[in-house]
Amino acid sequence: MAHLIKAFLLQFPLQAFPITIVLGLLLLIFLKHIHKKSPRISSPPVVPGLPLIGNLLELKDKKPHKTFTRWAEIYGPIYTIKTGASTVVVLNATDVVKEAFVTRFSSISTRKLSNALRILTSDKCMVATSDYNEFHKTTKRYLLSGLLGANAQKRFRGHRDTMMNNMVQKLHTHAKDKPLEALNVRKIVINELFGLALKQALGRDLESPIYVEELGTSLSRDDIFEVLVVDPLMGAIDVDWRDFFPYLKWIPNKSLEMKINSMDRRRTTVMNALIGQQKKRIASGEVLDSFLDFLSSEGKFISEEQLKMLIWEPIIETSDTTLVTTEWAMYELAKKKSCQDHLYREIQSVCGSEKITEEHLSKLPYLSAVFHETLRRHSPVPIIPLRYAHEDTQLGGYHIPAGSEIAINIYGCNMDKKQWNEPEKWLPERFLSSKYDPTDMYKTMAFGGGKRVCAGSQQAITISCMAIATFVQEFEWTLKEGQKEDVDTVGLTTHRLHPLQAFVTSRVMQ
């Protein structure tokens, strides 16, 4: 740089130019020099698409995680697509996702919700879908202190033990009374998970129908499960074409709007009835160990709307996500008898004639391998809700401009052939290798990472591992004919389209 300035001064004496012009020319030379020394960072590869609609037609099958993974084999682990008016940066490799979770978190910490999710989450009033701000930090702290943290989970231990006992009793009854009839595993597991969620969130399970004044009718426990869990999950994956063309949002989409708003109203009225019932209990002086009791005492600055959403969030998440992993794990173990036998022998070597308890879990490495391999192969959330880059940043060595949407394809990370040998196969043994650190939270990406790591990860691991181990310790599992090929899933989720059907035979405890 010095020799360039010297040459300029020798060629053009200072007195020949006003000082401002000299300084301006020197600045231009400097900037040109810097530009040559700092080559521009390139943008990610672009998946070709059609005018206006971009790649939307290629995503119409509602399995975008699989389409994203196929594109990763062609364009690399990070690329961009067009979805109408939006540019979406898709991440498909663990190292790039870690960078997004941690290094570049401050640049892409804002959530981008669909119209359906915006309504169903009361405009980001859930911890999982809120932007990273004071609301998120405060409510996540409440969630950990009152429900999902280590101390809270110790307080709820009795509820989990009761749930396991109830499931085992129902399985033994079925094995005894209907030995030739396949068992609907989901029906038993989801019923008990829903009961646990209600006890933890509200203090009590539902033992009888509850009158919902705003609806003018009484709803059974099954009705309430449909309203609080099933309907919102289905609504969350409904696609509104206006999400892709925001400049056309003035055009009505009445059928979808009515459907989602109806779900929201019914969910709200049921939550009003459930919370109202428990608030009367609290006002009478009866205090139970529940998240509602905790928030009533500690959450002084939470609005009624936020309270409803914070109580509803663990109900829907406990009742669904843990089920997905447990059901797929039992499918794989029933399908692969050698793995089921391996797990049974490990449990016997640790527990002997005792029934397994949560204290045994840390001594069962193969059980951990079964759990994590199921998370990898059947990740409950294949794509994390979109994030939004609110400033220019970098990912994977590429320039990401402000305004880009970020899609994190967990399924793609877990099916990456560069990281996983034969990723399409379910092989628990891969997690027994020294290559995998059992404490590495990023190994399957299932619980996110960084500041937004899933608050309920420990509960999910404990419940699912206990259920898997208990089921295998006390029963032999065999798939119903035709179940090996029954692997269809619901929409853009990995939730089994059809419940697992299996034959169970009680083992003789030694």
Protein backbone atom coordinates (compact mmCIF):
# COMPACT_ATOMS: atom_id res chain seq x y z
CA MET A 1 0.00 0.00 0.00
CA ALA A 2 2.84 2.43 0.90
CA HIS A 3 4.48 2.07 -2.50
CA LEU A 4 1.21 2.94 -4.24
CA ILE A 5 0.84 6.18 -2.27
CA LYS A 6 4.50 7.07 -2.90
CA ALA A 7 4.13 6.55 -6.64
CA PHE A 8 1.02 8.72 -6.65
CA LEU A 9 2.76 11.56 -4.83
CA LEU A 10 5.78 11.44 -7.14
CA GLN A 11 3.62 11.58 -10.23
CA PHE A 12 1.28 14.33 -8.97
CA PRO A 13 2.85 16.99 -6.70
CA LEU A 14 0.57 18.08 -3.86
CA GLN A 15 0.56 21.71 -4.88
CA ALA A 16 -1.11 20.79 -8.16
CA PHE A 17 -4.32 19.69 -6.40
CA PRO A 18 -6.52 20.96 -3.58
CA ILE A 19 -5.90 18.88 -0.44
CA THR A 20 -9.48 17.47 -0.42
CA ILE A 21 -9.02 16.01 -3.92
CA VAL A 22 -5.68 14.49 -2.91
CA LEU A 23 -7.24 12.86 0.15
CA GLY A 24 -10.17 11.60 -1.88
CA LEU A 25 -7.90 9.97 -4.47
CA LEU A 26 -5.81 8.38 -1.73
CA LEU A 27 -8.98 6.94 -0.20
CA LEU A 28 -10.05 5.45 -3.51
CA ILE A 29 -6.63 3.80 -3.95
CA PHE A 30 -6.88 2.39 -0.39
CA LEU A 31 -10.39 1.01 -0.88
CA LYS A 32 -9.44 -0.57 -4.21
CA HIS A 33 -6.44 -2.20 -2.55
CA ILE A 34 -8.55 -3.55 0.34
CA HIS A 35 -11.13 -4.88 -2.10
CA LYS A 36 -8.46 -6.85 -3.96
CA LYS A 37 -7.13 -8.28 -0.69
CA SER A 38 -10.62 -9.27 0.60
CA PRO A 39 -12.46 -11.27 -2.04
CA ARG A 40 -16.23 -11.22 -1.74
CA ILE A 41 -17.81 -14.16 0.12
CA SER A 42 -19.93 -16.18 -2.27
CA SER A 43 -23.60 -17.02 -1.82
CA PRO A 44 -24.83 -20.61 -1.32
CA PRO A 45 -25.72 -22.69 -4.39
CA VAL A 46 -29.21 -22.05 -5.74
CA VAL A 47 -31.69 -24.82 -6.53
CA PRO A 48 -33.23 -23.85 -9.90
CA GLY A 49 -36.94 -23.09 -9.78
CA LEU A 50 -39.80 -21.66 -11.79
CA PRO A 51 -40.58 -17.94 -12.14
CA LEU A 52 -42.70 -16.47 -9.31
CA ILE A 53 -43.36 -19.76 -7.49
CA GLY A 54 -39.74 -20.92 -7.28
CA ASN A 55 -39.49 -24.49 -5.89
CA LEU A 56 -42.99 -24.74 -4.42
CA LEU A 57 -44.24 -27.40 -6.82
CA GLU A 58 -41.33 -29.66 -5.89
CA LEU A 59 -42.40 -29.45 -2.21
CA LYS A 60 -46.10 -30.16 -2.72
CA ASP A 61 -45.90 -33.76 -1.43
CA LYS A 62 -45.67 -32.51 2.20
CA LYS A 63 -42.39 -34.38 2.74
CA PRO A 64 -40.05 -31.40 2.37
CA HIS A 65 -37.39 -32.94 4.65
CA LYS A 66 -36.91 -35.77 2.17
CA THR A 67 -36.81 -33.43 -0.82
CA PHE A 68 -34.30 -31.19 0.98
CA THR A 69 -32.11 -34.24 1.67
CA ARG A 70 -32.10 -35.29 -2.00
CA TRP A 71 -31.11 -31.77 -3.03
CA ALA A 72 -28.25 -31.83 -0.49
CA GLU A 73 -26.68 -34.71 -2.42
CA ILE A 74 -26.63 -32.49 -5.53
CA TYR A 75 -26.01 -28.97 -4.23
CA GLY A 76 -24.19 -29.62 -0.97
CA PRO A 77 -25.11 -29.26 2.72
CA ILE A 78 -26.22 -25.63 2.38
CA TYR A 79 -28.19 -24.12 -0.50
CA THR A 80 -31.03 -21.71 -1.19
CA ILE A 81 -34.48 -22.26 -2.62
CA LYS A 82 -37.30 -19.91 -3.53
CA THR A 83 -40.75 -20.40 -2.03
CA GLY A 84 -42.81 -17.76 -3.73
CA ALA A 85 -41.57 -14.39 -2.52
CA SER A 86 -39.19 -15.83 0.09
CA THR A 87 -35.60 -16.99 -0.13
CA VAL A 88 -34.97 -19.96 2.16
CA VAL A 89 -31.49 -21.13 3.14
CA VAL A 90 -31.64 -24.88 3.84
CA LEU A 91 -29.10 -26.44 6.23
CA ASN A 92 -28.56 -30.19 5.95
CA ALA A 93 -25.32 -30.99 7.82
CA THR A 94 -24.54 -31.16 11.52
CA ASP A 95 -21.54 -28.81 11.46
CA VAL A 96 -23.49 -26.07 9.67
CA VAL A 97 -26.47 -26.50 12.00
CA LYS A 98 -24.21 -26.25 15.05
CA GLU A 99 -22.91 -22.99 13.62
CA ALA A 100 -26.49 -21.72 13.25
CA PHE A 101 -27.42 -22.86 16.78
CA VAL A 102 -24.41 -21.29 18.48
CA THR A 103 -21.96 -19.12 16.53
CA ARG A 104 -24.49 -17.21 14.42
CA PHE A 105 -27.40 -17.48 16.83
CA SER A 106 -27.67 -13.73 17.49
CA SER A 107 -28.19 -13.06 13.77
CA ILE A 108 -30.91 -15.68 13.21
CA SER A 109 -32.72 -15.99 16.54
CA THR A 110 -36.07 -14.69 15.28
CA ARG A 111 -38.86 -17.17 14.48
CA LYS A 112 -40.73 -17.13 11.16
CA LEU A 113 -44.17 -18.70 11.69
CA SER A 114 -46.80 -19.76 9.20
CA ASN A 115 -50.25 -18.19 9.45
CA ALA A 116 -51.58 -21.36 11.09
CA LEU A 117 -48.80 -21.47 13.70
CA ARG A 118 -49.13 -17.75 14.38
CA ILE A 119 -52.79 -18.28 15.32
CA LEU A 120 -52.30 -21.54 17.21
CA THR A 121 -49.42 -20.11 19.28
CA SER A 122 -51.24 -16.82 19.99
CA ASP A 123 -48.54 -15.00 18.05
CA LYS A 124 -45.47 -16.68 19.60
CA CYS A 125 -46.72 -17.02 23.19
CA MET A 126 -45.10 -20.48 23.44
CA VAL A 127 -41.53 -20.96 24.62
CA ALA A 128 -40.72 -23.22 21.66
CA THR A 129 -41.97 -20.74 19.05
CA SER A 130 -41.20 -17.35 20.59
CA ASP A 131 -38.40 -15.08 19.45
CA TYR A 132 -35.30 -15.07 21.64
CA ASN A 133 -36.16 -12.11 23.85
CA GLU A 134 -37.01 -11.33 27.47
CA PHE A 135 -40.33 -13.17 27.20
CA HIS A 136 -38.56 -16.31 25.98
CA LYS A 137 -35.85 -16.18 28.65
CA THR A 138 -38.31 -15.51 31.48
CA THR A 139 -40.87 -18.15 30.50
CA LYS A 140 -38.22 -20.78 29.80
CA ARG A 141 -36.84 -20.13 33.27
CA TYR A 142 -40.35 -20.65 34.67
CA LEU A 143 -40.71 -23.84 32.63
CA LEU A 144 -37.47 -25.27 34.00
CA SER A 145 -38.10 -24.19 37.60
CA GLY A 146 -41.74 -25.27 37.73
CA LEU A 147 -41.89 -28.30 35.46
CA LEU A 148 -38.94 -29.59 33.44
CA GLY A 149 -35.76 -28.82 35.39
CA ALA A 150 -33.95 -31.41 37.49
CA ASN A 151 -35.54 -30.43 40.82
CA ALA A 152 -39.05 -30.24 39.34
CA GLN A 153 -38.62 -33.63 37.69
CA LYS A 154 -37.68 -35.14 41.06
CA ARG A 155 -40.95 -33.84 42.46
CA PHE A 156 -42.91 -35.45 39.61
CA ARG A 157 -41.19 -38.83 39.95
CA GLY A 158 -44.28 -40.42 41.52
CA HIS A 159 -46.43 -39.46 38.53
CA ARG A 160 -43.97 -41.10 36.12
CA ASP A 161 -43.78 -44.30 38.20
CA THR A 162 -47.59 -44.47 38.27
CA MET A 163 -47.73 -44.02 34.51
CA MET A 164 -45.28 -46.88 33.91
CA ASN A 165 -47.17 -49.19 36.26
CA ASN A 166 -50.46 -48.38 34.54
CA MET A 167 -49.04 -49.15 31.10
CA VAL A 168 -47.51 -52.45 32.24
CA GLN A 169 -50.77 -53.55 33.88
CA LYS A 170 -52.69 -52.84 30.67
CA LEU A 171 -50.13 -54.78 28.62
CA HIS A 172 -50.30 -57.78 30.97
CA THR A 173 -54.10 -57.73 30.86
CA HIS A 174 -54.04 -57.72 27.06
CA ALA A 175 -51.43 -60.49 26.90
CA LYS A 176 -53.53 -62.64 29.23
CA ASP A 177 -57.01 -61.97 27.85
CA LYS A 178 -56.27 -61.49 24.13
CA PRO A 179 -53.02 -63.34 23.34
CA LEU A 180 -53.94 -63.82 19.67
CA GLU A 181 -54.99 -60.22 19.12
CA ALA A 182 -52.50 -57.53 18.10
CA LEU A 183 -52.12 -54.67 20.55
CA ASN A 184 -52.60 -51.01 19.60
CA VAL A 185 -49.48 -49.71 21.34
CA ARG A 186 -50.25 -46.06 20.69
CA LYS A 187 -53.62 -46.16 22.42
CA ILE A 188 -52.07 -47.29 25.71
CA VAL A 189 -49.01 -45.03 25.61
CA ILE A 190 -50.80 -41.86 24.55
CA ASN A 191 -53.53 -42.28 27.16
CA GLU A 192 -50.96 -42.45 29.96
CA LEU A 193 -48.77 -39.67 28.55
CA PHE A 194 -51.79 -37.38 28.38
CA GLY A 195 -52.61 -38.17 32.00
CA LEU A 196 -49.04 -37.38 33.05
CA ALA A 197 -49.12 -34.10 31.12
CA LEU A 198 -52.36 -33.04 32.83
CA LYS A 199 -51.04 -33.89 36.29
CA GLN A 200 -47.82 -31.99 35.75
CA ALA A 201 -49.46 -28.97 34.11
CA LEU A 202 -52.70 -28.68 36.12
CA GLY A 203 -52.29 -30.88 39.17
CA ARG A 204 -54.85 -33.54 38.28
CA ASP A 205 -55.85 -35.95 35.53
CA LEU A 206 -59.43 -35.86 34.26
CA GLU A 207 -61.57 -38.52 35.92
CA SER A 208 -64.92 -37.43 34.51
CA PRO A 209 -66.32 -35.21 31.74
CA ILE A 210 -65.83 -31.50 32.28
CA TYR A 211 -68.48 -28.89 31.53
CA VAL A 212 -67.22 -26.22 29.11
CA GLU A 213 -69.48 -23.24 29.66
CA GLU A 214 -68.50 -21.38 26.49
CA LEU A 215 -69.44 -24.43 24.41
CA GLY A 216 -72.53 -25.21 26.47
CA THR A 217 -71.67 -28.90 26.74
CA SER A 218 -69.60 -31.45 28.64
CA LEU A 219 -66.54 -32.98 27.03
CA SER A 220 -65.04 -36.38 27.81
CA ARG A 221 -61.33 -36.93 28.37
CA ASP A 222 -61.02 -38.26 24.80
CA ASP A 223 -62.81 -35.17 23.46
CA ILE A 224 -60.41 -32.91 25.34
CA PHE A 225 -57.42 -34.83 23.99
CA GLU A 226 -58.69 -34.25 20.46
CA VAL A 227 -59.16 -30.52 21.11
CA LEU A 228 -55.85 -29.92 22.91
CA VAL A 229 -53.51 -32.27 21.06
CA VAL A 230 -54.76 -33.92 17.87
CA ASP A 231 -56.49 -30.97 16.18
CA PRO A 232 -53.69 -28.40 16.79
CA LEU A 233 -51.05 -30.85 15.54
CA MET A 234 -52.98 -31.33 12.33
CA GLY A 235 -53.64 -27.60 12.03
CA ALA A 236 -49.97 -26.76 12.50
CA ILE A 237 -49.00 -28.58 9.31
CA ASP A 238 -51.77 -27.07 7.17
CA VAL A 239 -50.32 -24.96 4.38
CA ASP A 240 -51.69 -21.51 3.59
CA TRP A 241 -50.50 -20.42 0.13
CA ARG A 242 -50.42 -16.82 1.39
CA ASP A 243 -47.43 -17.75 3.57
CA PHE A 244 -45.42 -17.85 0.37
CA PHE A 245 -46.84 -14.69 -1.19
CA PRO A 246 -47.20 -12.14 1.64
CA TYR A 247 -47.95 -9.34 -0.82
CA LEU A 248 -51.19 -11.21 -1.60
CA LYS A 249 -52.26 -11.64 2.03
CA TRP A 250 -55.22 -9.36 1.39
CA ILE A 251 -56.81 -12.19 -0.65
CA PRO A 252 -59.00 -14.28 1.70
CA ASN A 253 -58.46 -18.00 2.26
CA LYS A 254 -61.69 -18.47 4.18
CA SER A 255 -61.84 -22.25 4.42
CA LEU A 256 -58.43 -22.53 6.07
CA GLU A 257 -58.97 -19.44 8.20
CA MET A 258 -62.26 -20.82 9.53
CA LYS A 259 -60.68 -24.21 10.25
CA ILE A 260 -57.69 -22.82 12.17
CA ASN A 261 -59.70 -20.18 14.01
CA SER A 262 -62.24 -22.82 15.03
CA MET A 263 -59.43 -25.01 16.42
CA ASP A 264 -58.04 -22.01 18.29
CA ARG A 265 -61.42 -21.07 19.81
CA ARG A 266 -62.14 -24.61 20.95
CA ARG A 267 -58.66 -24.99 22.41
CA THR A 268 -59.05 -21.66 24.23
CA THR A 269 -62.45 -22.50 25.68
CA VAL A 270 -61.28 -25.89 26.94
CA MET A 271 -58.16 -24.37 28.50
CA ASN A 272 -60.36 -21.71 30.14
CA ALA A 273 -62.50 -24.46 31.67
CA LEU A 274 -59.54 -26.57 32.85
CA ILE A 275 -57.61 -23.64 34.32
CA GLY A 276 -60.75 -22.13 35.83
CA GLN A 277 -61.51 -25.37 37.62
CA GLN A 278 -58.01 -25.55 39.08
CA LYS A 279 -57.95 -21.86 40.04
CA LYS A 280 -60.99 -22.50 42.24
CA ARG A 281 -59.00 -25.26 43.93
CA ILE A 282 -56.05 -22.92 44.48
CA ALA A 283 -58.32 -20.16 45.82
CA SER A 284 -59.81 -22.62 48.32
CA GLY A 285 -56.34 -23.17 49.73
CA GLU A 286 -55.65 -26.59 48.16
CA VAL A 287 -52.17 -26.47 46.68
CA LEU A 288 -50.77 -29.22 44.43
CA ASP A 289 -47.37 -29.62 42.80
CA SER A 290 -48.19 -28.43 39.27
CA PHE A 291 -46.98 -25.90 36.73
CA LEU A 292 -50.21 -23.92 37.15
CA ASP A 293 -49.69 -23.68 40.91
CA PHE A 294 -46.12 -22.56 40.29
CA LEU A 295 -47.11 -19.86 37.77
CA SER A 296 -49.95 -18.67 40.01
CA SER A 297 -47.33 -18.02 42.68
CA GLU A 298 -44.29 -16.92 40.67
CA GLY A 299 -45.54 -15.66 37.30
CA LYS A 300 -46.82 -12.28 38.42
CA PHE A 301 -46.21 -10.52 35.10
CA ILE A 302 -47.79 -13.14 32.84
CA SER A 303 -51.05 -12.20 31.14
CA GLU A 304 -54.05 -14.56 31.10
CA GLU A 305 -53.45 -15.26 27.40
CA GLN A 306 -49.82 -16.13 28.04
CA LEU A 307 -50.76 -18.28 31.04
CA LYS A 308 -53.12 -20.39 28.92
CA MET A 309 -50.45 -20.94 26.27
CA LEU A 310 -47.72 -21.78 28.79
CA ILE A 311 -49.94 -24.38 30.48
CA TRP A 312 -51.07 -25.82 27.12
CA GLU A 313 -47.53 -26.09 25.71
CA PRO A 314 -46.27 -28.96 27.93
CA ILE A 315 -49.60 -30.77 27.49
CA ILE A 316 -49.29 -30.98 23.71
CA GLU A 317 -45.53 -31.57 23.71
CA THR A 318 -45.51 -34.28 26.39
CA SER A 319 -48.45 -36.02 24.78
CA ASP A 320 -46.96 -36.24 21.30
CA THR A 321 -43.18 -35.99 20.90
CA THR A 322 -42.34 -38.72 23.43
CA LEU A 323 -44.94 -40.99 21.85
CA VAL A 324 -43.32 -40.73 18.40
CA THR A 325 -39.94 -41.94 19.66
CA THR A 326 -41.34 -44.70 21.87
CA GLU A 327 -43.63 -46.08 19.17
CA TRP A 328 -40.88 -46.15 16.54
CA ALA A 329 -38.43 -47.77 18.97
CA MET A 330 -40.87 -50.60 19.73
CA TYR A 331 -41.53 -51.03 16.00
CA GLU A 332 -37.80 -51.42 15.33
CA LEU A 333 -37.22 -53.77 18.28
CA ALA A 334 -40.18 -55.96 17.35
CA LYS A 335 -38.95 -56.02 13.76
CA LYS A 336 -35.35 -56.83 14.68
CA LYS A 337 -35.45 -59.68 17.21
CA SER A 338 -31.66 -59.75 17.69
CA CYS A 339 -31.72 -56.16 18.95
CA GLN A 340 -34.65 -56.89 21.25
CA ASP A 341 -32.80 -59.88 22.71
CA HIS A 342 -29.62 -57.82 23.13
CA LEU A 343 -31.51 -55.17 25.09
CA TYR A 344 -33.29 -57.79 27.22
CA ARG A 345 -29.97 -59.44 28.16
CA GLU A 346 -28.49 -56.07 29.12
CA ILE A 347 -31.48 -55.27 31.34
CA GLN A 348 -31.25 -58.68 32.99
CA SER A 349 -27.54 -58.28 33.66
CA VAL A 350 -28.13 -54.94 35.42
CA CYS A 351 -31.51 -55.49 37.09
CA GLY A 352 -31.61 -59.22 37.71
CA SER A 353 -34.98 -60.09 39.23
CA GLU A 354 -35.74 -56.46 40.08
CA LYS A 355 -38.01 -54.32 37.98
CA ILE A 356 -36.18 -51.59 36.15
CA THR A 357 -36.24 -48.11 37.66
CA GLU A 358 -34.96 -44.73 36.55
CA GLU A 359 -31.81 -45.29 38.62
CA HIS A 360 -30.82 -48.13 36.29
CA LEU A 361 -30.94 -46.08 33.08
CA SER A 362 -27.39 -44.72 33.24
CA LYS A 363 -26.06 -48.32 33.46
CA LEU A 364 -27.71 -49.44 30.19
CA PRO A 365 -25.58 -48.26 27.23
CA TYR A 366 -27.44 -50.39 24.68
CA LEU A 367 -30.76 -48.89 25.79
CA SER A 368 -29.25 -45.43 25.25
CA ALA A 369 -28.06 -46.56 21.81
CA VAL A 370 -31.57 -47.80 20.92
CA PHE A 371 -33.06 -44.48 21.99
CA HIS A 372 -30.59 -42.27 20.12
CA GLU A 373 -30.65 -44.38 16.99
CA THR A 374 -34.45 -44.10 16.98
CA LEU A 375 -34.15 -40.32 17.34
CA ARG A 376 -31.72 -40.30 14.43
CA ARG A 377 -33.71 -42.51 12.09
CA HIS A 378 -37.18 -41.21 13.08
CA SER A 379 -36.56 -37.68 14.36
CA PRO A 380 -39.84 -36.43 15.93
CA VAL A 381 -39.30 -32.97 14.37
CA PRO A 382 -37.72 -33.42 10.92
CA ILE A 383 -37.59 -29.67 10.23
CA ILE A 384 -37.26 -27.03 12.95
CA PRO A 385 -39.72 -24.10 12.61
CA LEU A 386 -38.17 -21.50 10.33
CA ARG A 387 -35.84 -18.85 11.65
CA TYR A 388 -35.27 -15.44 10.11
CA ALA A 389 -31.94 -13.70 9.46
CA HIS A 390 -32.50 -10.14 10.68
CA GLU A 391 -28.99 -9.05 9.65
CA ASP A 392 -26.30 -10.10 7.19
CA THR A 393 -24.37 -13.12 8.46
CA GLN A 394 -22.39 -16.17 7.34
CA LEU A 395 -23.12 -19.90 7.46
CA GLY A 396 -20.89 -22.67 6.14
CA GLY A 397 -18.56 -20.10 4.64
CA TYR A 398 -21.35 -18.51 2.59
CA HIS A 399 -22.84 -15.03 2.78
CA ILE A 400 -26.43 -15.05 4.10
CA PRO A 401 -28.20 -11.72 3.46
CA ALA A 402 -30.62 -10.17 5.93
CA GLY A 403 -34.20 -11.20 5.18
CA SER A 404 -33.36 -14.82 4.39
CA GLU A 405 -35.37 -17.56 6.05
CA ILE A 406 -33.38 -20.43 7.59
CA ALA A 407 -34.70 -24.00 7.40
CA ILE A 408 -32.83 -26.52 9.56
CA ASN A 409 -33.37 -30.00 8.15
CA ILE A 410 -32.79 -32.34 11.10
CA TYR A 411 -33.78 -35.32 8.97
CA GLY A 412 -31.10 -34.34 6.42
CA CYS A 413 -28.44 -34.10 9.13
CA ASN A 414 -29.34 -37.57 10.37
CA MET A 415 -29.36 -39.08 6.89
CA ASP A 416 -26.05 -37.51 5.82
CA LYS A 417 -23.99 -40.29 4.21
CA LYS A 418 -20.76 -38.42 4.99
CA GLN A 419 -21.48 -38.66 8.70
CA TRP A 420 -23.49 -41.88 9.02
CA ASN A 421 -22.69 -45.26 7.47
CA GLU A 422 -25.83 -46.68 5.81
CA PRO A 423 -28.04 -43.98 7.35
CA GLU A 424 -31.25 -45.52 6.02
CA LYS A 425 -30.75 -48.53 8.33
CA TRP A 426 -31.69 -48.63 12.03
CA LEU A 427 -28.47 -49.77 13.72
CA PRO A 428 -28.23 -49.04 17.47
CA GLU A 429 -24.69 -50.43 17.54
CA ARG A 430 -23.40 -47.30 15.82
CA PHE A 431 -23.89 -45.42 19.11
CA LEU A 432 -21.74 -47.91 21.02
CA SER A 433 -18.71 -46.82 19.02
CA SER A 434 -16.10 -44.61 20.71
CA LYS A 435 -16.70 -42.22 17.81
CA TYR A 436 -19.88 -41.02 19.51
CA ASP A 437 -19.79 -39.15 22.80
CA PRO A 438 -22.85 -40.21 24.86
CA THR A 439 -23.04 -36.71 26.36
CA ASP A 440 -22.98 -34.95 22.96
CA MET A 441 -26.33 -33.19 22.65
CA TYR A 442 -25.74 -32.59 18.95
CA LYS A 443 -25.33 -36.22 17.90
CA THR A 444 -28.84 -36.47 16.46
CA MET A 445 -29.80 -32.76 16.62
CA ALA A 446 -33.22 -33.85 17.95
CA PHE A 447 -33.28 -31.43 20.88
CA GLY A 448 -31.77 -28.44 19.13
CA GLY A 449 -28.84 -26.72 20.80
CA GLY A 450 -27.35 -23.52 22.10
CA LYS A 451 -29.57 -21.03 23.89
CA ARG A 452 -32.72 -22.57 22.40
CA VAL A 453 -32.01 -26.16 23.41
CA CYS A 454 -35.23 -28.04 24.18
CA ALA A 455 -36.27 -27.53 27.80
CA GLY A 456 -38.01 -30.92 27.90
CA SER A 457 -35.15 -33.05 26.59
CA GLN A 458 -34.37 -34.74 29.91
CA GLN A 459 -38.00 -35.66 30.57
CA ALA A 460 -38.39 -37.03 27.04
CA ILE A 461 -35.25 -39.16 27.40
CA THR A 462 -36.28 -40.48 30.82
CA ILE A 463 -39.86 -41.36 29.89
CA SER A 464 -39.06 -42.89 26.52
CA CYS A 465 -36.10 -44.94 27.81
CA MET A 466 -38.11 -46.17 30.80
CA ALA A 467 -41.01 -47.18 28.58
CA ILE A 468 -38.80 -49.00 26.06
CA ALA A 469 -36.84 -50.84 28.76
CA THR A 470 -39.92 -51.76 30.81
CA PHE A 471 -41.77 -53.07 27.75
CA VAL A 472 -38.81 -55.25 26.75
CA GLN A 473 -38.09 -56.45 30.29
CA GLU A 474 -41.62 -57.73 30.80
CA PHE A 475 -42.76 -58.72 27.27
CA GLU A 476 -41.63 -60.29 24.04
CA TRP A 477 -42.69 -58.23 21.02
CA THR A 478 -43.64 -59.44 17.55
CA LEU A 479 -45.04 -57.36 14.71
CA LYS A 480 -48.45 -58.09 13.27
CA GLU A 481 -48.29 -59.35 9.69
CA GLY A 482 -47.85 -56.46 7.28
CA GLN A 483 -46.46 -54.08 9.91
CA LYS A 484 -42.87 -54.33 8.65
CA GLU A 485 -43.85 -52.44 5.51
CA ASP A 486 -46.22 -50.03 7.28
CA VAL A 487 -43.90 -47.03 7.65
CA ASP A 488 -46.04 -44.21 6.22
CA THR A 489 -46.01 -40.97 8.19
CA VAL A 490 -48.38 -38.04 8.69
CA GLY A 491 -47.69 -35.07 6.42
CA LEU A 492 -44.40 -33.32 7.07
CA THR A 493 -43.94 -35.11 10.41
CA THR A 494 -42.44 -38.51 11.24
CA HIS A 495 -45.53 -39.47 13.27
CA ARG A 496 -46.64 -42.95 12.16
CA LEU A 497 -49.72 -42.70 9.94
CA HIS A 498 -51.13 -45.91 11.44
CA PRO A 499 -50.71 -47.01 15.09
CA LEU A 500 -48.19 -49.76 15.75
CA GLN A 501 -49.87 -53.18 15.95
CA ALA A 502 -47.89 -55.84 17.80
CA PHE A 503 -48.32 -59.12 19.67
CA VAL A 504 -47.03 -59.13 23.24
CA THR A 505 -46.19 -62.17 25.34
CA SER A 506 -45.46 -61.82 29.05
CA ARG A 507 -41.99 -62.95 30.06
CA VAL A 508 -41.50 -65.08 33.16
CA MET A 509 -39.49 -62.88 35.52
CA GLN A 510 -36.51 -64.78 36.89
